[in-house]
Amino acid sequence: MLSDSSTAGQSHDAGIIIQAWRMPISAVLRSTQVVALNLCMLLLVAEWSCAASQLVSVDVKAVDRERILKAAAAALALEPIAITTFRAKLSEGGPNDFYSNGDYWWPNPNTTNGLPYVQRDGQSNPENFVEHRRCIARLRDAVAALGAAYKITSDDRYAAKAAGLLKVFFLDEQTRMNPHLKYAQAIPGVSSGRGTGIIDTLHLAEVPMAILAMEESAQFPAEVFTGVKKWFRDYVEWMTTSKNGNDEGNAGNNHAVAFWLQVAAFSQLTGEHQKLAECLRRFKEVFVPKQMGNDGSFPAELKRTKPYGYSIFQLDNMTTLCQLLSTPEDSLWKFQLPDGRGISKAMEFLYPHLADKKSWPHKPDIQAWEGWPAREPCLLFAGLAFNEQKYIELWKKLPADPTSPEVQRNIAIKQPVLWVK
């Protein structure tokens, strides 16, 4: 038997039901829509949370372990490397001064002595003096491999060998390279050295990353670390105060980007925060607004006789600046102009043509067309930054060690494990 209070409760409930039936149809529909909308929002939040928890990742140590250890084993057997081993006959500098010739300059066919040299854009002269460039490339290859091997194994042998190579190349009085590039990319009969030659040390940008990876090793002497830091500080000072450096740093194309990438990498080692801040400013106020097109391309590179290779080179270096300089508080990966231009736009432009070179809408390069693309760092860095799996998958598929000399010298990063956490 129900009590009086239960009966009263039933009457109350019945009243509510009667009132609900008396509600206008429109009100009922609105209530249903609100419930449905809330459910959709909950589903979207759940989907977003699931996606956020599934961030793209790649174990670069595992991917590259075999090639790192193979390269490091070869580096352990190397004799010391020094530019003083190779004397440049046409150089106006001394034996410790780096020298190279402008790539696209050839003997003049209209003069008996071949002077002054004349330009053939995009066509590298195979008779140019390149031995000092090769020394830098060999040193970078060796020290980067040794630094990467130390990072994945903590084996002090690698750090000890790297310290020895660095000491000979940068510090020993008889064999050191002087910290300037006054005589780089000289043009016989025209110039003893030009600002454009500063791009010849781009491969050294990876050396600070290797040094920082080995700094804690007991077999990496403190005096070598201090001495090499001073060399890079002196070099950056020359870069940013000399006429040649001023010319190069203010170029309107890939040369300026490569210049400030070097300043950024070297200043990471030396701890020069003002220089790093200037690199950040250049990216935001110069490179994106003045060098990037509305579609994410780099028009100055598309005008060249090797537009594909130059576009890749430029994007690699732009993304490497993002990788070096971005912080949680100030991320160049997220930086965009009001019109949408930024590094994500540049990746969207070039990625389809890295995945399928046949889709490239411009003329093919007149040199090294078959060698591109290789395993470009832009794919790895942007893939991680933008959580974009297709970038990572393409990075894994492309050749890590290209055989074309032209492609080799236009990729600044040999050991990406040094650049990622």
Protein backbone atom coordinates (compact mmCIF):
# COMPACT_ATOMS: atom_id res chain seq x y z
CA MET A 1 0.00 0.00 0.00
CA LEU A 2 1.34 3.44 -0.94
CA SER A 3 1.50 6.15 1.69
CA ASP A 4 -0.04 9.59 1.35
CA SER A 5 3.37 11.13 0.57
CA SER A 6 3.91 8.66 -2.30
CA THR A 7 0.53 9.55 -3.69
CA ALA A 8 1.42 13.22 -3.47
CA GLY A 9 4.68 12.54 -5.33
CA GLN A 10 2.81 10.75 -8.10
CA SER A 11 0.48 13.69 -8.49
CA HIS A 12 3.48 16.06 -8.72
CA ASP A 13 5.17 13.89 -11.39
CA ALA A 14 1.96 13.69 -13.34
CA GLY A 15 1.78 17.49 -13.24
CA ILE A 16 5.26 17.77 -14.72
CA ILE A 17 4.36 15.34 -17.49
CA ILE A 18 1.16 17.26 -18.23
CA GLN A 19 3.14 20.51 -18.35
CA ALA A 20 5.71 18.91 -20.73
CA TRP A 21 2.90 17.84 -23.07
CA ARG A 22 1.62 21.39 -22.97
CA MET A 23 5.07 22.79 -24.16
CA PRO A 24 5.02 24.25 -27.69
CA ILE A 25 6.52 21.97 -30.36
CA SER A 26 9.13 24.64 -31.20
CA ALA A 27 10.43 24.59 -27.63
CA VAL A 28 10.72 20.82 -27.68
CA LEU A 29 12.64 20.99 -30.95
CA ARG A 30 14.99 23.63 -29.55
CA SER A 31 15.71 21.47 -26.55
CA THR A 32 16.44 18.49 -28.81
CA GLN A 33 18.78 20.59 -30.96
CA VAL A 34 20.72 21.80 -27.89
CA VAL A 35 21.18 18.21 -26.72
CA ALA A 36 22.33 17.12 -30.19
CA LEU A 37 24.74 20.06 -30.44
CA ASN A 38 26.24 19.27 -27.07
CA LEU A 39 26.71 15.65 -28.09
CA CYS A 40 28.47 16.73 -31.33
CA MET A 41 30.77 19.03 -29.39
CA LEU A 42 31.64 16.25 -26.97
CA LEU A 43 32.43 13.93 -29.89
CA LEU A 44 34.62 16.58 -31.57
CA VAL A 45 36.53 17.21 -28.34
CA ALA A 46 37.04 13.47 -27.89
CA GLU A 47 38.26 13.14 -31.48
CA TRP A 48 40.63 16.08 -31.09
CA SER A 49 41.98 14.71 -27.81
CA CYS A 50 42.59 11.34 -29.44
CA ALA A 51 44.43 12.96 -32.36
CA ALA A 52 46.50 15.12 -30.03
CA SER A 53 47.54 12.07 -28.06
CA GLN A 54 48.73 10.39 -31.28
CA LEU A 55 51.52 12.80 -32.16
CA VAL A 56 53.77 11.93 -35.06
CA SER A 57 57.11 10.61 -33.88
CA VAL A 58 60.14 9.01 -35.42
CA ASP A 59 63.08 7.38 -33.69
CA VAL A 60 65.90 8.96 -35.68
CA LYS A 61 68.47 7.11 -33.59
CA ALA A 62 66.97 3.78 -34.63
CA VAL A 63 66.45 4.78 -38.26
CA ASP A 64 70.03 5.98 -38.68
CA ARG A 65 71.92 3.81 -36.22
CA GLU A 66 73.59 1.58 -38.80
CA ARG A 67 74.67 4.40 -41.11
CA ILE A 68 75.87 6.51 -38.15
CA LEU A 69 78.08 3.77 -36.78
CA LYS A 70 79.43 2.96 -40.25
CA ALA A 71 80.34 6.60 -40.88
CA ALA A 72 81.84 6.94 -37.40
CA ALA A 73 84.00 3.85 -37.92
CA ALA A 74 85.39 5.42 -41.09
CA ALA A 75 85.99 8.70 -39.24
CA LEU A 76 87.97 6.92 -36.51
CA ALA A 77 90.47 5.87 -39.18
CA LEU A 78 90.88 9.33 -40.72
CA GLU A 79 94.14 11.24 -40.80
CA PRO A 80 93.91 14.87 -39.63
CA ILE A 81 92.25 17.26 -42.08
CA ALA A 82 93.68 20.73 -42.80
CA ILE A 83 93.31 23.27 -45.60
CA THR A 84 97.06 23.93 -45.38
CA THR A 85 97.61 20.59 -47.11
CA PHE A 86 96.36 22.15 -50.35
CA ARG A 87 97.87 25.38 -51.65
CA ALA A 88 95.71 27.48 -53.95
CA LYS A 89 97.97 28.95 -56.63
CA LEU A 90 95.62 31.82 -57.52
CA SER A 91 94.88 32.87 -53.93
CA GLU A 92 96.03 36.28 -52.74
CA GLY A 93 95.96 34.98 -49.15
CA GLY A 94 98.29 32.78 -47.15
CA PRO A 95 98.32 29.01 -46.59
CA ASN A 96 95.92 29.26 -43.63
CA ASP A 97 93.35 31.28 -45.58
CA PHE A 98 90.41 29.49 -47.15
CA TYR A 99 90.16 29.89 -50.93
CA SER A 100 87.63 28.89 -53.57
CA ASN A 101 86.44 30.00 -56.99
CA GLY A 102 83.00 31.17 -58.02
CA ASP A 103 81.13 28.09 -59.20
CA TYR A 104 79.73 29.36 -62.45
CA TRP A 105 82.76 31.25 -63.75
CA TRP A 106 84.84 29.99 -66.66
CA PRO A 107 87.97 31.06 -68.59
CA ASN A 108 87.24 33.73 -71.14
CA PRO A 109 87.30 32.15 -74.63
CA ASN A 110 88.02 35.54 -76.19
CA THR A 111 91.35 36.24 -74.46
CA THR A 112 94.70 34.47 -74.68
CA ASN A 113 95.12 34.10 -70.90
CA GLY A 114 91.46 33.32 -70.19
CA LEU A 115 91.03 36.48 -68.12
CA PRO A 116 88.74 37.87 -66.96
CA TYR A 117 86.58 34.82 -66.29
CA VAL A 118 83.01 34.90 -67.65
CA GLN A 119 79.81 33.59 -66.07
CA ARG A 120 77.68 30.61 -67.14
CA ASP A 121 74.86 30.53 -64.60
CA GLY A 122 74.11 27.10 -63.21
CA GLN A 123 77.10 25.42 -64.86
CA SER A 124 79.81 24.55 -62.34
CA ASN A 125 83.36 24.76 -63.72
CA PRO A 126 85.05 21.40 -62.99
CA GLU A 127 88.51 23.02 -63.16
CA ASN A 128 87.86 25.38 -60.25
CA PHE A 129 89.89 25.07 -57.05
CA VAL A 130 87.66 23.14 -54.63
CA GLU A 131 90.11 21.43 -52.26
CA HIS A 132 89.41 23.73 -49.31
CA ARG A 133 85.67 23.15 -49.74
CA ARG A 134 86.32 19.44 -49.72
CA CYS A 135 88.31 19.78 -46.50
CA ILE A 136 85.35 21.49 -44.84
CA ALA A 137 82.95 18.85 -46.13
CA ARG A 138 85.21 16.01 -44.95
CA LEU A 139 85.63 17.59 -41.53
CA ARG A 140 81.87 18.11 -41.21
CA ASP A 141 81.16 14.54 -42.31
CA ALA A 142 83.64 13.11 -39.80
CA VAL A 143 82.81 15.28 -36.79
CA ALA A 144 79.06 14.97 -37.36
CA ALA A 145 79.32 11.17 -37.59
CA LEU A 146 81.46 11.03 -34.46
CA GLY A 147 79.10 13.34 -32.58
CA ALA A 148 76.08 11.32 -33.66
CA ALA A 149 77.78 8.06 -32.69
CA TYR A 150 78.65 9.47 -29.27
CA LYS A 151 75.06 10.64 -28.81
CA ILE A 152 73.63 7.17 -29.42
CA THR A 153 76.36 5.13 -27.64
CA SER A 154 78.16 7.40 -25.10
CA ASP A 155 81.40 5.81 -26.32
CA ASP A 156 84.25 8.21 -25.48
CA ARG A 157 86.35 7.01 -28.42
CA TYR A 158 84.20 9.05 -30.75
CA ALA A 159 84.56 12.24 -28.71
CA ALA A 160 88.34 11.82 -28.42
CA LYS A 161 88.74 11.41 -32.19
CA ALA A 162 86.49 14.39 -32.92
CA ALA A 163 88.48 16.58 -30.51
CA GLY A 164 91.69 15.63 -32.30
CA LEU A 165 90.28 16.52 -35.71
CA LEU A 166 88.90 19.83 -34.45
CA LYS A 167 92.20 20.76 -32.84
CA VAL A 168 94.13 20.36 -36.08
CA PHE A 169 91.56 22.09 -38.27
CA PHE A 170 90.75 25.07 -36.03
CA LEU A 171 93.41 25.51 -33.35
CA ASP A 172 96.95 24.34 -34.18
CA GLU A 173 98.99 27.31 -35.38
CA GLN A 174 100.51 25.57 -38.41
CA THR A 175 97.37 23.91 -39.72
CA ARG A 176 94.40 25.99 -38.52
CA MET A 177 92.03 27.70 -40.90
CA ASN A 178 91.87 31.41 -40.20
CA PRO A 179 88.37 32.56 -39.09
CA HIS A 180 87.42 34.51 -42.20
CA LEU A 181 86.51 33.94 -45.84
CA LYS A 182 88.14 36.94 -47.51
CA TYR A 183 89.23 34.86 -50.49
CA ALA A 184 86.19 32.68 -51.01
CA GLN A 185 84.54 32.39 -54.44
CA ALA A 186 87.18 34.49 -56.10
CA ILE A 187 86.87 35.21 -59.82
CA PRO A 188 90.21 35.24 -61.63
CA GLY A 189 90.71 38.59 -63.29
CA VAL A 190 87.67 40.09 -61.52
CA SER A 191 87.73 39.68 -57.72
CA SER A 192 90.07 38.22 -55.08
CA GLY A 193 87.07 37.13 -52.99
CA ARG A 194 83.37 37.92 -52.60
CA GLY A 195 80.61 37.88 -50.03
CA THR A 196 78.86 35.09 -51.90
CA GLY A 197 81.74 32.85 -50.85
CA ILE A 198 80.55 32.77 -47.23
CA ILE A 199 78.09 30.09 -48.31
CA ASP A 200 81.14 27.80 -48.62
CA THR A 201 81.17 27.28 -44.83
CA LEU A 202 77.51 26.27 -44.65
CA HIS A 203 78.55 22.68 -43.95
CA LEU A 204 80.25 23.87 -40.76
CA ALA A 205 76.77 24.63 -39.36
CA GLU A 206 76.51 21.02 -38.21
CA VAL A 207 79.83 21.07 -36.35
CA PRO A 208 78.49 23.04 -33.33
CA MET A 209 75.63 20.54 -32.97
CA ALA A 210 78.15 17.70 -32.85
CA ILE A 211 80.36 19.52 -30.36
CA LEU A 212 77.44 20.20 -28.04
CA ALA A 213 76.51 16.50 -28.22
CA MET A 214 80.03 15.53 -27.08
CA GLU A 215 80.70 18.32 -24.59
CA GLU A 216 80.11 16.16 -21.51
CA SER A 217 82.52 13.40 -22.58
CA ALA A 218 85.57 13.01 -20.37
CA GLN A 219 87.60 12.54 -23.56
CA PHE A 220 86.60 15.89 -25.08
CA PRO A 221 89.21 18.29 -23.61
CA ALA A 222 87.94 21.54 -22.15
CA GLU A 223 90.67 23.49 -23.94
CA VAL A 224 89.48 22.19 -27.31
CA PHE A 225 85.89 23.12 -26.48
CA THR A 226 86.96 26.61 -25.37
CA GLY A 227 89.29 27.09 -28.34
CA VAL A 228 86.75 26.05 -30.95
CA LYS A 229 84.10 28.27 -29.34
CA LYS A 230 86.50 31.19 -29.69
CA TRP A 231 87.15 30.33 -33.34
CA PHE A 232 83.44 30.38 -34.13
CA ARG A 233 82.95 33.59 -32.13
CA ASP A 234 85.75 35.24 -34.12
CA TYR A 235 84.29 33.96 -37.38
CA VAL A 236 80.80 35.26 -36.57
CA GLU A 237 82.34 38.62 -35.67
CA TRP A 238 84.04 38.76 -39.08
CA MET A 239 80.85 37.63 -40.82
CA THR A 240 78.73 40.34 -39.22
CA THR A 241 81.20 43.25 -39.45
CA SER A 242 83.09 42.80 -42.76
CA LYS A 243 82.03 44.21 -46.13
CA ASN A 244 81.84 40.69 -47.57
CA GLY A 245 79.63 39.62 -44.69
CA ASN A 246 77.39 42.65 -45.04
CA ASP A 247 76.94 41.93 -48.75
CA GLU A 248 76.06 38.31 -48.14
CA GLY A 249 73.83 38.86 -45.12
CA ASN A 250 71.71 41.31 -47.10
CA ALA A 251 71.42 39.29 -50.30
CA GLY A 252 67.89 38.94 -51.63
CA ASN A 253 67.94 35.17 -52.09
CA ASN A 254 69.10 31.86 -50.60
CA HIS A 255 72.54 33.28 -49.82
CA ALA A 256 71.17 35.48 -47.03
CA VAL A 257 69.22 32.58 -45.53
CA ALA A 258 72.33 30.37 -45.59
CA PHE A 259 74.34 33.21 -44.04
CA TRP A 260 72.00 33.69 -41.08
CA LEU A 261 71.60 29.95 -40.64
CA GLN A 262 75.35 29.79 -40.09
CA VAL A 263 75.22 32.70 -37.64
CA ALA A 264 72.43 30.92 -35.77
CA ALA A 265 74.24 27.58 -35.58
CA PHE A 266 77.56 29.10 -34.57
CA SER A 267 75.88 31.35 -31.99
CA GLN A 268 74.15 28.34 -30.45
CA LEU A 269 77.63 27.13 -29.56
CA THR A 270 79.04 30.48 -28.46
CA GLY A 271 75.95 31.59 -26.55
CA GLU A 272 75.64 34.95 -28.30
CA HIS A 273 71.98 35.72 -27.65
CA GLN A 274 71.93 39.04 -29.49
CA LYS A 275 73.07 37.28 -32.65
CA LEU A 276 70.35 34.67 -32.21
CA ALA A 277 67.77 37.42 -31.76
CA GLU A 278 68.92 39.02 -35.01
CA CYS A 279 68.53 35.69 -36.82
CA LEU A 280 64.97 35.46 -35.49
CA ARG A 281 64.23 39.00 -36.65
CA ARG A 282 65.60 38.33 -40.13
CA PHE A 283 63.32 35.32 -40.51
CA LYS A 284 60.20 37.26 -39.53
CA GLU A 285 60.93 40.64 -41.10
CA VAL A 286 62.99 39.75 -44.16
CA PHE A 287 62.92 36.14 -45.33
CA VAL A 288 59.19 35.46 -45.12
CA PRO A 289 57.86 38.87 -46.26
CA LYS A 290 60.53 39.63 -48.86
CA GLN A 291 61.58 36.24 -50.24
CA MET A 292 58.44 34.08 -50.05
CA GLY A 293 55.67 34.28 -52.65
CA ASN A 294 51.97 34.16 -51.86
CA ASP A 295 51.86 30.50 -52.85
CA GLY A 296 54.76 29.55 -50.55
CA SER A 297 57.38 29.42 -53.32
CA PHE A 298 60.60 31.44 -53.39
CA PRO A 299 60.45 33.48 -56.62
CA ALA A 300 64.15 34.41 -56.61
CA GLU A 301 65.04 30.71 -56.67
CA LEU A 302 62.50 29.88 -59.38
CA LYS A 303 64.24 32.35 -61.71
CA ARG A 304 67.49 30.40 -61.62
CA THR A 305 68.64 27.75 -64.10
CA LYS A 306 68.25 25.16 -61.31
CA PRO A 307 64.89 26.18 -59.81
CA TYR A 308 64.06 22.78 -58.30
CA GLY A 309 67.36 22.31 -56.48
CA TYR A 310 67.47 25.93 -55.34
CA SER A 311 63.89 25.74 -54.00
CA ILE A 312 64.77 22.62 -52.00
CA PHE A 313 67.98 24.20 -50.72
CA GLN A 314 66.13 27.31 -49.59
CA LEU A 315 63.34 25.39 -47.84
CA ASP A 316 65.82 23.09 -46.09
CA ASN A 317 67.66 26.08 -44.67
CA MET A 318 64.48 27.96 -43.72
CA THR A 319 63.14 24.97 -41.81
CA THR A 320 66.51 24.46 -40.15
CA LEU A 321 66.31 28.03 -38.88
CA CYS A 322 62.89 27.15 -37.44
CA GLN A 323 64.35 24.06 -35.81
CA LEU A 324 67.25 26.01 -34.28
CA LEU A 325 65.50 29.17 -33.15
CA SER A 326 61.96 28.18 -32.14
CA THR A 327 60.97 28.18 -28.48
CA PRO A 328 57.58 27.39 -26.88
CA GLU A 329 57.13 31.13 -26.37
CA ASP A 330 58.24 32.18 -29.87
CA SER A 331 57.86 29.46 -32.49
CA LEU A 332 58.88 30.21 -36.06
CA TRP A 333 56.88 27.15 -37.07
CA LYS A 334 53.71 29.02 -36.05
CA PHE A 335 54.79 32.42 -37.39
CA GLN A 336 52.55 33.74 -40.16
CA LEU A 337 52.09 37.05 -41.91
CA PRO A 338 48.51 38.41 -42.07
CA ASP A 339 48.28 37.11 -45.65
CA GLY A 340 49.05 33.55 -44.51
CA ARG A 341 52.66 33.32 -45.62
CA GLY A 342 54.85 31.27 -43.30
CA ILE A 343 56.89 28.10 -43.26
CA SER A 344 53.78 25.89 -43.35
CA LYS A 345 52.79 27.55 -46.63
CA ALA A 346 56.27 26.89 -48.03
CA MET A 347 56.01 23.22 -47.09
CA GLU A 348 52.58 22.93 -48.69
CA PHE A 349 54.00 24.36 -51.91
CA LEU A 350 57.02 22.08 -52.25
CA TYR A 351 55.94 18.81 -50.64
CA PRO A 352 53.91 17.52 -53.64
CA HIS A 353 56.95 18.03 -55.89
CA LEU A 354 59.25 16.26 -53.45
CA ALA A 355 56.83 13.34 -53.41
CA ASP A 356 56.50 13.37 -57.21
CA LYS A 357 59.14 15.29 -59.13
CA LYS A 358 57.17 14.81 -62.35
CA SER A 359 54.60 17.25 -60.97
CA TRP A 360 57.15 20.09 -60.87
CA PRO A 361 55.47 22.90 -62.86
CA HIS A 362 58.66 24.76 -63.77
CA LYS A 363 61.56 23.98 -66.07
CA PRO A 364 63.89 21.16 -64.95
CA ASP A 365 67.33 22.03 -63.57
CA ILE A 366 70.16 22.17 -66.09
CA GLN A 367 72.43 20.27 -63.67
CA ALA A 368 71.90 17.46 -61.12
CA TRP A 369 68.20 17.13 -61.99
CA GLU A 370 68.34 13.37 -61.53
CA GLY A 371 69.98 13.67 -58.10
CA TRP A 372 67.08 15.48 -56.41
CA PRO A 373 65.36 15.02 -54.06
CA ALA A 374 67.42 13.37 -51.35
CA ARG A 375 66.38 12.86 -47.72
CA GLU A 376 65.67 16.52 -47.08
CA PRO A 377 65.78 17.82 -43.49
CA CYS A 378 62.74 20.01 -44.16
CA LEU A 379 60.60 16.86 -44.29
CA LEU A 380 61.79 15.61 -40.91
CA PHE A 381 61.70 18.93 -39.09
CA ALA A 382 58.35 20.05 -40.50
CA GLY A 383 56.86 16.59 -40.07
CA LEU A 384 57.59 16.71 -36.35
CA ALA A 385 56.62 20.36 -35.94
CA PHE A 386 53.32 20.09 -37.83
CA ASN A 387 52.48 16.52 -36.75
CA GLU A 388 52.39 15.56 -40.44
CA GLN A 389 52.96 11.85 -40.98
CA LYS A 390 53.28 12.07 -44.77
CA TYR A 391 56.34 14.31 -44.42
CA ILE A 392 58.00 11.78 -42.10
CA GLU A 393 57.19 8.84 -44.37
CA LEU A 394 58.68 10.56 -47.40
CA TRP A 395 61.77 11.50 -45.39
CA LYS A 396 62.28 7.84 -44.53
CA LYS A 397 61.98 6.76 -48.17
CA LEU A 398 64.40 9.19 -49.81
CA PRO A 399 68.15 8.44 -50.03
CA ALA A 400 70.04 9.51 -46.91
CA ASP A 401 73.40 9.66 -48.66
CA PRO A 402 73.01 11.06 -52.19
CA THR A 403 75.83 10.31 -54.63
CA SER A 404 75.61 13.47 -56.74
CA PRO A 405 78.38 15.93 -55.69
CA GLU A 406 76.10 18.85 -56.55
CA VAL A 407 73.35 17.52 -54.27
CA GLN A 408 75.82 16.64 -51.53
CA ARG A 409 77.20 20.15 -51.31
CA ASN A 410 73.71 21.66 -51.20
CA ILE A 411 72.49 19.75 -48.15
CA ALA A 412 73.85 21.26 -44.94
CA ILE A 413 72.76 18.45 -42.61
CA LYS A 414 74.35 15.02 -42.71
CA GLN A 415 73.32 13.67 -39.29
CA PRO A 416 69.78 14.76 -38.37
CA VAL A 417 69.97 12.98 -35.02
CA LEU A 418 72.12 15.90 -33.84
CA TRP A 419 69.29 18.34 -34.52
CA VAL A 420 66.36 16.59 -32.83
CA LYS A 421 65.73 15.70 -29.20
